[in-house]
Amino acid sequence: MAGVVSATGTGTGTGIVSMILISRLSDRVGPQRRALLAAGLAGVAVFGVALLWWNPGASLTLVVLGAVLGLMGNLAGASTIHAVVIDRMPWAVGRAIGLMSTGYFLGALVSPFAFGAAADLTGAYDLSWSMCVAALLASVACFLLIHRRIGLPPLAGVLATAVGSEHGEK
C-alpha cells in the first residue's frame, strides 16, 4: 500500500510539473502539430498503464514508473486536449471546451466503475487493464486522425499568433 501511495504522490507531482512543461511545448509546436503532441502524451500513458498491467508482483520501481508515466501522460495531456479541440473550433471556444470536458470527465466518472466491474466479472484484472490500454490506444488513434484528416480553420494560425503576442512571445 505504501508503494501505491508513493507512486500516486510522485505521479501527481510529476504530472503537475509535466503539465507546465508540456504547456510550453504545446505553444511552441503550435496548432499544426499539437494533435501529434496529444497523441504522444496518450502514448506515454499507454506505456505506463501497460507497465502496471504486464508486471503484476513486479518490483516497486516498475510499479512507480508505470504509475508516474500513466499519471503524467494523463495530466499533461488534459490541457493539451483542450488546445487541440480549440485549434479545430476557434469560433466556438465555449462549445469546444464543454465538449472536451464532458468526454474527459465522463470517462473519469465511468472508468473506476468499469474497471472494478470488469475485475469482479472475471475475477482478475487483465480485462480491466486491457480496457484501459484499448481506450488510450483509441485516444492515440483519434489524435492521429485529427492531425491527418481535420484541417485547421483559417483563423487557427491567426488566433494562435494573436494569443502568443499578447504574452510577449514571438
Foldseek 3Di string as FASTA:
>chain_A
DVLVVVLQVLLVVLQVVLLVVLVVVLLVVAQLCLLVVLLVLLVQLLVLLVLVQVAVVHDSVSPSSSSNSNSNSVSNNLVSQLVNQCQLVVVCSPVSCVVSVVVVVVCVVCLVVVQVVVCVVVVHRNVSSVVSSVVSVVSSVVSVCCSPPRDGDPCSVVVSVVVCVVVVHD
